[in-house]
Full PDB file with SEQRES, HELIX, SHEET, SSBOND, CRYST1, ORIGX, SCALE, CONECT and MASTER records, all heavy atoms in Angstrom:
SEQRES   1 A   26  CYS GLU LEU GLU ILE GLU PRO ASP THR PHE VAL ARG CYS          
SEQRES   2 A   26  ASP VAL ASP LYS ILE GLN ARG VAL PHE ASP ASN LEU LEU          
HELIX    1 AA1 VAL A   15  LEU A   25  1                                  11    
CRYST1    1.000    1.000    1.000  90.00  90.00  90.00 P 1           1          
ORIGX1      1.000000  0.000000  0.000000        0.00000                         
ORIGX2      0.000000  1.000000  0.000000        0.00000                         
ORIGX3      0.000000  0.000000  1.000000        0.00000                         
SCALE1      1.000000  0.000000  0.000000        0.00000                         
SCALE2      0.000000  1.000000  0.000000        0.00000                         
SCALE3      0.000000  0.000000  1.000000        0.00000                         
ATOM      1  N   CYS A   1      84.396 -16.889 -68.553  1.00  0.00           N  
ATOM      2  CA  CYS A   1      83.654 -17.348 -67.379  1.00  0.00           C  
ATOM      3  C   CYS A   1      84.630 -17.969 -66.390  1.00  0.00           C  
ATOM      4  O   CYS A   1      85.341 -18.937 -66.721  1.00  0.00           O  
ATOM      5  CB  CYS A   1      82.586 -18.360 -67.780  1.00  0.00           C  
ATOM      6  SG  CYS A   1      81.538 -18.885 -66.400  1.00  0.00           S  
ATOM      7  N   GLU A   2      84.709 -17.423 -65.193  1.00  0.00           N  
ATOM      8  CA  GLU A   2      85.595 -17.923 -64.145  1.00  0.00           C  
ATOM      9  C   GLU A   2      84.766 -18.659 -63.096  1.00  0.00           C  
ATOM     10  O   GLU A   2      83.786 -18.138 -62.584  1.00  0.00           O  
ATOM     11  CB  GLU A   2      86.354 -16.772 -63.483  1.00  0.00           C  
ATOM     12  CG  GLU A   2      87.317 -16.053 -64.416  1.00  0.00           C  
ATOM     13  CD  GLU A   2      88.045 -14.919 -63.722  1.00  0.00           C  
ATOM     14  OE1 GLU A   2      87.652 -14.595 -62.563  1.00  0.00           O  
ATOM     15  OE2 GLU A   2      88.979 -14.357 -64.313  1.00  0.00           O  
ATOM     16  N   LEU A   3      85.165 -19.881 -62.797  1.00  0.00           N  
ATOM     17  CA  LEU A   3      84.481 -20.708 -61.807  1.00  0.00           C  
ATOM     18  C   LEU A   3      85.387 -20.902 -60.600  1.00  0.00           C  
ATOM     19  O   LEU A   3      86.521 -21.367 -60.736  1.00  0.00           O  
ATOM     20  CB  LEU A   3      84.100 -22.061 -62.412  1.00  0.00           C  
ATOM     21  CG  LEU A   3      83.460 -23.079 -61.457  1.00  0.00           C  
ATOM     22  CD1 LEU A   3      82.155 -22.541 -60.880  1.00  0.00           C  
ATOM     23  CD2 LEU A   3      83.217 -24.404 -62.183  1.00  0.00           C  
ATOM     24  N   GLU A   4      84.894 -20.550 -59.432  1.00  0.00           N  
ATOM     25  CA  GLU A   4      85.660 -20.693 -58.191  1.00  0.00           C  
ATOM     26  C   GLU A   4      84.843 -21.535 -57.210  1.00  0.00           C  
ATOM     27  O   GLU A   4      83.884 -21.067 -56.611  1.00  0.00           O  
ATOM     28  CB  GLU A   4      85.945 -19.309 -57.597  1.00  0.00           C  
ATOM     29  CG  GLU A   4      86.842 -19.347 -56.368  1.00  0.00           C  
ATOM     30  CD  GLU A   4      87.123 -17.960 -55.836  1.00  0.00           C  
ATOM     31  OE1 GLU A   4      87.459 -17.074 -56.644  1.00  0.00           O  
ATOM     32  OE2 GLU A   4      86.993 -17.752 -54.604  1.00  0.00           O  
ATOM     33  N   ILE A   5      85.247 -22.801 -57.061  1.00  0.00           N  
ATOM     34  CA  ILE A   5      84.530 -23.730 -56.190  1.00  0.00           C  
ATOM     35  C   ILE A   5      85.497 -24.804 -55.721  1.00  0.00           C  
ATOM     36  O   ILE A   5      86.412 -25.200 -56.461  1.00  0.00           O  
ATOM     37  CB  ILE A   5      83.320 -24.363 -56.931  1.00  0.00           C  
ATOM     38  CG1 ILE A   5      82.517 -25.255 -55.973  1.00  0.00           C  
ATOM     39  CG2 ILE A   5      83.746 -25.105 -58.175  1.00  0.00           C  
ATOM     40  CD1 ILE A   5      81.217 -25.765 -56.579  1.00  0.00           C  
ATOM     41  N   GLU A   6      85.321 -25.272 -54.500  1.00  0.00           N  
ATOM     42  CA  GLU A   6      86.191 -26.326 -53.975  1.00  0.00           C  
ATOM     43  C   GLU A   6      85.940 -27.634 -54.728  1.00  0.00           C  
ATOM     44  O   GLU A   6      84.798 -27.900 -55.146  1.00  0.00           O  
ATOM     45  CB  GLU A   6      85.929 -26.533 -52.479  1.00  0.00           C  
ATOM     46  CG  GLU A   6      86.288 -25.334 -51.615  1.00  0.00           C  
ATOM     47  CD  GLU A   6      85.993 -25.601 -50.149  1.00  0.00           C  
ATOM     48  OE1 GLU A   6      85.530 -26.729 -49.839  1.00  0.00           O  
ATOM     49  OE2 GLU A   6      86.213 -24.700 -49.327  1.00  0.00           O  
ATOM     50  N   PRO A   7      86.978 -28.439 -54.912  1.00  0.00           N  
ATOM     51  CA  PRO A   7      86.784 -29.730 -55.593  1.00  0.00           C  
ATOM     52  C   PRO A   7      85.798 -30.614 -54.838  1.00  0.00           C  
ATOM     53  O   PRO A   7      85.751 -30.626 -53.605  1.00  0.00           O  
ATOM     54  CB  PRO A   7      88.203 -30.342 -55.590  1.00  0.00           C  
ATOM     55  CG  PRO A   7      89.130 -29.183 -55.386  1.00  0.00           C  
ATOM     56  CD  PRO A   7      88.386 -28.210 -54.533  1.00  0.00           C  
ATOM     57  N   ASP A   8      84.995 -31.332 -55.602  1.00  0.00           N  
ATOM     58  CA  ASP A   8      84.034 -32.301 -55.055  1.00  0.00           C  
ATOM     59  C   ASP A   8      83.159 -31.700 -53.955  1.00  0.00           C  
ATOM     60  O   ASP A   8      83.073 -32.216 -52.838  1.00  0.00           O  
ATOM     61  CB  ASP A   8      84.779 -33.532 -54.521  1.00  0.00           C  
ATOM     62  CG  ASP A   8      85.474 -34.306 -55.639  1.00  0.00           C  
ATOM     63  OD1 ASP A   8      84.939 -34.300 -56.769  1.00  0.00           O  
ATOM     64  OD2 ASP A   8      86.537 -34.875 -55.384  1.00  0.00           O  
ATOM     65  N   THR A   9      82.522 -30.588 -54.290  1.00  0.00           N  
ATOM     66  CA  THR A   9      81.537 -29.986 -53.389  1.00  0.00           C  
ATOM     67  C   THR A   9      80.185 -30.640 -53.645  1.00  0.00           C  
ATOM     68  O   THR A   9      79.655 -30.577 -54.749  1.00  0.00           O  
ATOM     69  CB  THR A   9      81.428 -28.469 -53.619  1.00  0.00           C  
ATOM     70  OG1 THR A   9      82.700 -27.867 -53.332  1.00  0.00           O  
ATOM     71  CG2 THR A   9      80.361 -27.857 -52.719  1.00  0.00           C  
ATOM     72  N   PHE A  10      79.658 -31.295 -52.621  1.00  0.00           N  
ATOM     73  CA  PHE A  10      78.397 -32.029 -52.782  1.00  0.00           C  
ATOM     74  C   PHE A  10      77.251 -31.277 -52.114  1.00  0.00           C  
ATOM     75  O   PHE A  10      77.435 -30.592 -51.101  1.00  0.00           O  
ATOM     76  CB  PHE A  10      78.502 -33.431 -52.173  1.00  0.00           C  
ATOM     77  CG  PHE A  10      79.283 -34.393 -53.030  1.00  0.00           C  
ATOM     78  CD1 PHE A  10      80.665 -34.481 -52.907  1.00  0.00           C  
ATOM     79  CD2 PHE A  10      78.631 -35.201 -53.949  1.00  0.00           C  
ATOM     80  CE1 PHE A  10      81.382 -35.367 -53.696  1.00  0.00           C  
ATOM     81  CE2 PHE A  10      79.345 -36.086 -54.734  1.00  0.00           C  
ATOM     82  CZ  PHE A  10      80.724 -36.175 -54.613  1.00  0.00           C  
ATOM     83  N   VAL A  11      76.064 -31.404 -52.693  1.00  0.00           N  
ATOM     84  CA  VAL A  11      74.852 -30.823 -52.122  1.00  0.00           C  
ATOM     85  C   VAL A  11      73.686 -31.757 -52.460  1.00  0.00           C  
ATOM     86  O   VAL A  11      73.670 -32.393 -53.519  1.00  0.00           O  
ATOM     87  CB  VAL A  11      74.592 -29.400 -52.675  1.00  0.00           C  
ATOM     88  CG1 VAL A  11      74.314 -29.425 -54.166  1.00  0.00           C  
ATOM     89  CG2 VAL A  11      73.439 -28.736 -51.936  1.00  0.00           C  
ATOM     90  N   ARG A  12      72.747 -31.861 -51.543  1.00  0.00           N  
ATOM     91  CA  ARG A  12      71.576 -32.708 -51.763  1.00  0.00           C  
ATOM     92  C   ARG A  12      70.469 -31.877 -52.413  1.00  0.00           C  
ATOM     93  O   ARG A  12      69.985 -30.911 -51.824  1.00  0.00           O  
ATOM     94  CB  ARG A  12      71.082 -33.304 -50.435  1.00  0.00           C  
ATOM     95  CG  ARG A  12      69.986 -34.349 -50.600  1.00  0.00           C  
ATOM     96  CD  ARG A  12      69.680 -35.029 -49.263  1.00  0.00           C  
ATOM     97  NE  ARG A  12      68.623 -36.033 -49.420  1.00  0.00           N  
ATOM     98  CZ  ARG A  12      67.327 -35.778 -49.322  1.00  0.00           C  
ATOM     99  NH1 ARG A  12      66.930 -34.541 -49.073  1.00  0.00           N  
ATOM    100  NH2 ARG A  12      66.428 -36.732 -49.466  1.00  0.00           N  
ATOM    101  N   CYS A  13      70.083 -32.250 -53.639  1.00  0.00           N  
ATOM    102  CA  CYS A  13      69.106 -31.457 -54.380  1.00  0.00           C  
ATOM    103  C   CYS A  13      68.536 -32.301 -55.519  1.00  0.00           C  
ATOM    104  O   CYS A  13      68.933 -33.441 -55.731  1.00  0.00           O  
ATOM    105  CB  CYS A  13      69.751 -30.184 -54.936  1.00  0.00           C  
ATOM    106  SG  CYS A  13      71.064 -30.525 -56.149  1.00  0.00           S  
ATOM    107  N   ASP A  14      67.590 -31.714 -56.236  1.00  0.00           N  
ATOM    108  CA  ASP A  14      67.091 -32.299 -57.481  1.00  0.00           C  
ATOM    109  C   ASP A  14      68.000 -31.788 -58.584  1.00  0.00           C  
ATOM    110  O   ASP A  14      67.955 -30.613 -58.953  1.00  0.00           O  
ATOM    111  CB  ASP A  14      65.643 -31.859 -57.716  1.00  0.00           C  
ATOM    112  CG  ASP A  14      65.020 -32.516 -58.937  1.00  0.00           C  
ATOM    113  OD1 ASP A  14      65.697 -32.586 -59.982  1.00  0.00           O  
ATOM    114  OD2 ASP A  14      63.858 -32.954 -58.852  1.00  0.00           O  
ATOM    115  N   VAL A  15      68.846 -32.653 -59.124  1.00  0.00           N  
ATOM    116  CA  VAL A  15      69.901 -32.218 -60.031  1.00  0.00           C  
ATOM    117  C   VAL A  15      69.343 -31.546 -61.284  1.00  0.00           C  
ATOM    118  O   VAL A  15      69.871 -30.532 -61.754  1.00  0.00           O  
ATOM    119  CB  VAL A  15      70.825 -33.412 -60.402  1.00  0.00           C  
ATOM    120  CG1 VAL A  15      70.044 -34.519 -61.103  1.00  0.00           C  
ATOM    121  CG2 VAL A  15      71.987 -32.943 -61.286  1.00  0.00           C  
ATOM    122  N   ASP A  16      68.257 -32.073 -61.853  1.00  0.00           N  
ATOM    123  CA  ASP A  16      67.702 -31.475 -63.072  1.00  0.00           C  
ATOM    124  C   ASP A  16      67.166 -30.081 -62.815  1.00  0.00           C  
ATOM    125  O   ASP A  16      67.359 -29.162 -63.613  1.00  0.00           O  
ATOM    126  CB  ASP A  16      66.594 -32.372 -63.636  1.00  0.00           C  
ATOM    127  CG  ASP A  16      67.132 -33.706 -64.148  1.00  0.00           C  
ATOM    128  OD1 ASP A  16      68.293 -33.723 -64.586  1.00  0.00           O  
ATOM    129  OD2 ASP A  16      66.395 -34.705 -64.105  1.00  0.00           O  
ATOM    130  N   LYS A  17      66.468 -29.924 -61.669  1.00  0.00           N  
ATOM    131  CA  LYS A  17      65.882 -28.622 -61.359  1.00  0.00           C  
ATOM    132  C   LYS A  17      66.979 -27.588 -61.049  1.00  0.00           C  
ATOM    133  O   LYS A  17      66.915 -26.449 -61.517  1.00  0.00           O  
ATOM    134  CB  LYS A  17      64.930 -28.742 -60.156  1.00  0.00           C  
ATOM    135  CG  LYS A  17      63.768 -29.704 -60.354  1.00  0.00           C  
ATOM    136  CD  LYS A  17      62.805 -29.242 -61.411  1.00  0.00           C  
ATOM    137  CE  LYS A  17      61.508 -30.055 -61.396  1.00  0.00           C  
ATOM    138  NZ  LYS A  17      61.700 -31.494 -61.553  1.00  0.00           N  
ATOM    139  N   ILE A  18      67.973 -27.989 -60.247  1.00  0.00           N  
ATOM    140  CA  ILE A  18      69.043 -27.047 -59.901  1.00  0.00           C  
ATOM    141  C   ILE A  18      69.873 -26.697 -61.136  1.00  0.00           C  
ATOM    142  O   ILE A  18      70.302 -25.544 -61.304  1.00  0.00           O  
ATOM    143  CB  ILE A  18      69.927 -27.633 -58.780  1.00  0.00           C  
ATOM    144  CG1 ILE A  18      69.156 -27.633 -57.455  1.00  0.00           C  
ATOM    145  CG2 ILE A  18      71.212 -26.839 -58.632  1.00  0.00           C  
ATOM    146  CD1 ILE A  18      68.759 -26.255 -56.962  1.00  0.00           C  
ATOM    147  N   GLN A  19      70.080 -27.670 -62.003  1.00  0.00           N  
ATOM    148  CA  GLN A  19      70.798 -27.376 -63.245  1.00  0.00           C  
ATOM    149  C   GLN A  19      70.034 -26.345 -64.073  1.00  0.00           C  
ATOM    150  O   GLN A  19      70.633 -25.472 -64.702  1.00  0.00           O  
ATOM    151  CB  GLN A  19      70.997 -28.660 -64.055  1.00  0.00           C  
ATOM    152  CG  GLN A  19      71.830 -28.453 -65.319  1.00  0.00           C  
ATOM    153  CD  GLN A  19      72.129 -29.765 -66.028  1.00  0.00           C  
ATOM    154  OE1 GLN A  19      71.632 -30.811 -65.652  1.00  0.00           O  
ATOM    155  NE2 GLN A  19      72.955 -29.695 -67.064  1.00  0.00           N  
ATOM    156  N   ARG A  20      68.724 -26.443 -64.046  1.00  0.00           N  
ATOM    157  CA  ARG A  20      67.905 -25.474 -64.767  1.00  0.00           C  
ATOM    158  C   ARG A  20      68.062 -24.078 -64.168  1.00  0.00           C  
ATOM    159  O   ARG A  20      68.105 -23.080 -64.886  1.00  0.00           O  
ATOM    160  CB  ARG A  20      66.441 -25.904 -64.727  1.00  0.00           C  
ATOM    161  CG  ARG A  20      65.515 -25.031 -65.546  1.00  0.00           C  
ATOM    162  CD  ARG A  20      64.114 -25.581 -65.533  1.00  0.00           C  
ATOM    163  NE  ARG A  20      63.240 -24.826 -66.398  1.00  0.00           N  
ATOM    164  CZ  ARG A  20      61.952 -25.079 -66.541  1.00  0.00           C  
ATOM    165  NH1 ARG A  20      61.404 -26.078 -65.866  1.00  0.00           N  
ATOM    166  NH2 ARG A  20      61.208 -24.354 -67.341  1.00  0.00           N  
ATOM    167  N   VAL A  21      68.138 -24.005 -62.830  1.00  0.00           N  
ATOM    168  CA  VAL A  21      68.343 -22.705 -62.172  1.00  0.00           C  
ATOM    169  C   VAL A  21      69.653 -22.076 -62.635  1.00  0.00           C  
ATOM    170  O   VAL A  21      69.694 -20.915 -63.064  1.00  0.00           O  
ATOM    171  CB  VAL A  21      68.348 -22.866 -60.636  1.00  0.00           C  
ATOM    172  CG1 VAL A  21      68.773 -21.559 -59.962  1.00  0.00           C  
ATOM    173  CG2 VAL A  21      66.981 -23.291 -60.137  1.00  0.00           C  
ATOM    174  N   PHE A  22      70.739 -22.852 -62.567  1.00  0.00           N  
ATOM    175  CA  PHE A  22      72.049 -22.318 -62.940  1.00  0.00           C  
ATOM    176  C   PHE A  22      72.109 -21.991 -64.435  1.00  0.00           C  
ATOM    177  O   PHE A  22      72.754 -21.030 -64.849  1.00  0.00           O  
ATOM    178  CB  PHE A  22      73.146 -23.309 -62.563  1.00  0.00           C  
ATOM    179  CG  PHE A  22      73.257 -23.545 -61.075  1.00  0.00           C  
ATOM    180  CD1 PHE A  22      73.713 -24.761 -60.567  1.00  0.00           C  
ATOM    181  CD2 PHE A  22      72.893 -22.555 -60.176  1.00  0.00           C  
ATOM    182  CE1 PHE A  22      73.802 -24.972 -59.203  1.00  0.00           C  
ATOM    183  CE2 PHE A  22      72.982 -22.753 -58.814  1.00  0.00           C  
ATOM    184  CZ  PHE A  22      73.442 -23.968 -58.326  1.00  0.00           C  
ATOM    185  N   ASP A  23      71.446 -22.803 -65.248  1.00  0.00           N  
ATOM    186  CA  ASP A  23      71.386 -22.535 -66.687  1.00  0.00           C  
ATOM    187  C   ASP A  23      70.704 -21.195 -66.942  1.00  0.00           C  
ATOM    188  O   ASP A  23      71.174 -20.361 -67.741  1.00  0.00           O  
ATOM    189  CB  ASP A  23      70.634 -23.667 -67.392  1.00  0.00           C  
ATOM    190  CG  ASP A  23      70.620 -23.498 -68.909  1.00  0.00           C  
ATOM    191  OD1 ASP A  23      69.788 -22.705 -69.392  1.00  0.00           O  
ATOM    192  OD2 ASP A  23      71.420 -24.153 -69.597  1.00  0.00           O  
ATOM    193  N   ASN A  24      69.575 -20.945 -66.247  1.00  0.00           N  
ATOM    194  CA  ASN A  24      68.861 -19.675 -66.416  1.00  0.00           C  
ATOM    195  C   ASN A  24      69.717 -18.492 -65.972  1.00  0.00           C  
ATOM    196  O   ASN A  24      69.746 -17.446 -66.628  1.00  0.00           O  
ATOM    197  CB  ASN A  24      67.556 -19.693 -65.608  1.00  0.00           C  
ATOM    198  CG  ASN A  24      66.479 -20.541 -66.258  1.00  0.00           C  
ATOM    199  OD1 ASN A  24      66.531 -20.825 -67.453  1.00  0.00           O  
ATOM    200  ND2 ASN A  24      65.510 -20.967 -65.475  1.00  0.00           N  
ATOM    201  N   LEU A  25      70.421 -18.658 -64.845  1.00  0.00           N  
ATOM    202  CA  LEU A  25      71.236 -17.551 -64.326  1.00  0.00           C  
ATOM    203  C   LEU A  25      72.421 -17.251 -65.236  1.00  0.00           C  
ATOM    204  O   LEU A  25      72.740 -16.081 -65.493  1.00  0.00           O  
ATOM    205  CB  LEU A  25      71.718 -17.877 -62.911  1.00  0.00           C  
ATOM    206  CG  LEU A  25      70.629 -17.949 -61.830  1.00  0.00           C  
ATOM    207  CD1 LEU A  25      71.238 -18.318 -60.486  1.00  0.00           C  
ATOM    208  CD2 LEU A  25      69.875 -16.633 -61.726  1.00  0.00           C  
ATOM    209  N   LEU A  26      73.080 -18.298 -65.734  1.00  0.00           N  
ATOM    210  CA  LEU A  26      74.230 -18.078 -66.614  1.00  0.00           C  
ATOM    211  C   LEU A  26      73.778 -17.519 -67.968  1.00  0.00           C  
ATOM    212  O   LEU A  26      74.423 -16.631 -68.533  1.00  0.00           O  
ATOM    213  CB  LEU A  26      75.006 -19.386 -66.802  1.00  0.00           C  
ATOM    214  CG  LEU A  26      76.337 -19.275 -67.570  1.00  0.00           C  
ATOM    215  CD1 LEU A  26      77.222 -18.187 -66.971  1.00  0.00           C  
ATOM    216  CD2 LEU A  26      77.064 -20.619 -67.570  1.00  0.00           C  
TER     217      LEU A  26                                                      
MASTER        0    0    0    1    0    0    0    6  216    1    0    2          
END                                                                             
């Protein structure tokens, strides 16, 4: 698994819900 993202990229969201989205996709 390769992750390409800038350091300390912030976004305003519901962390639990968005984590669930990424968990489902991965």
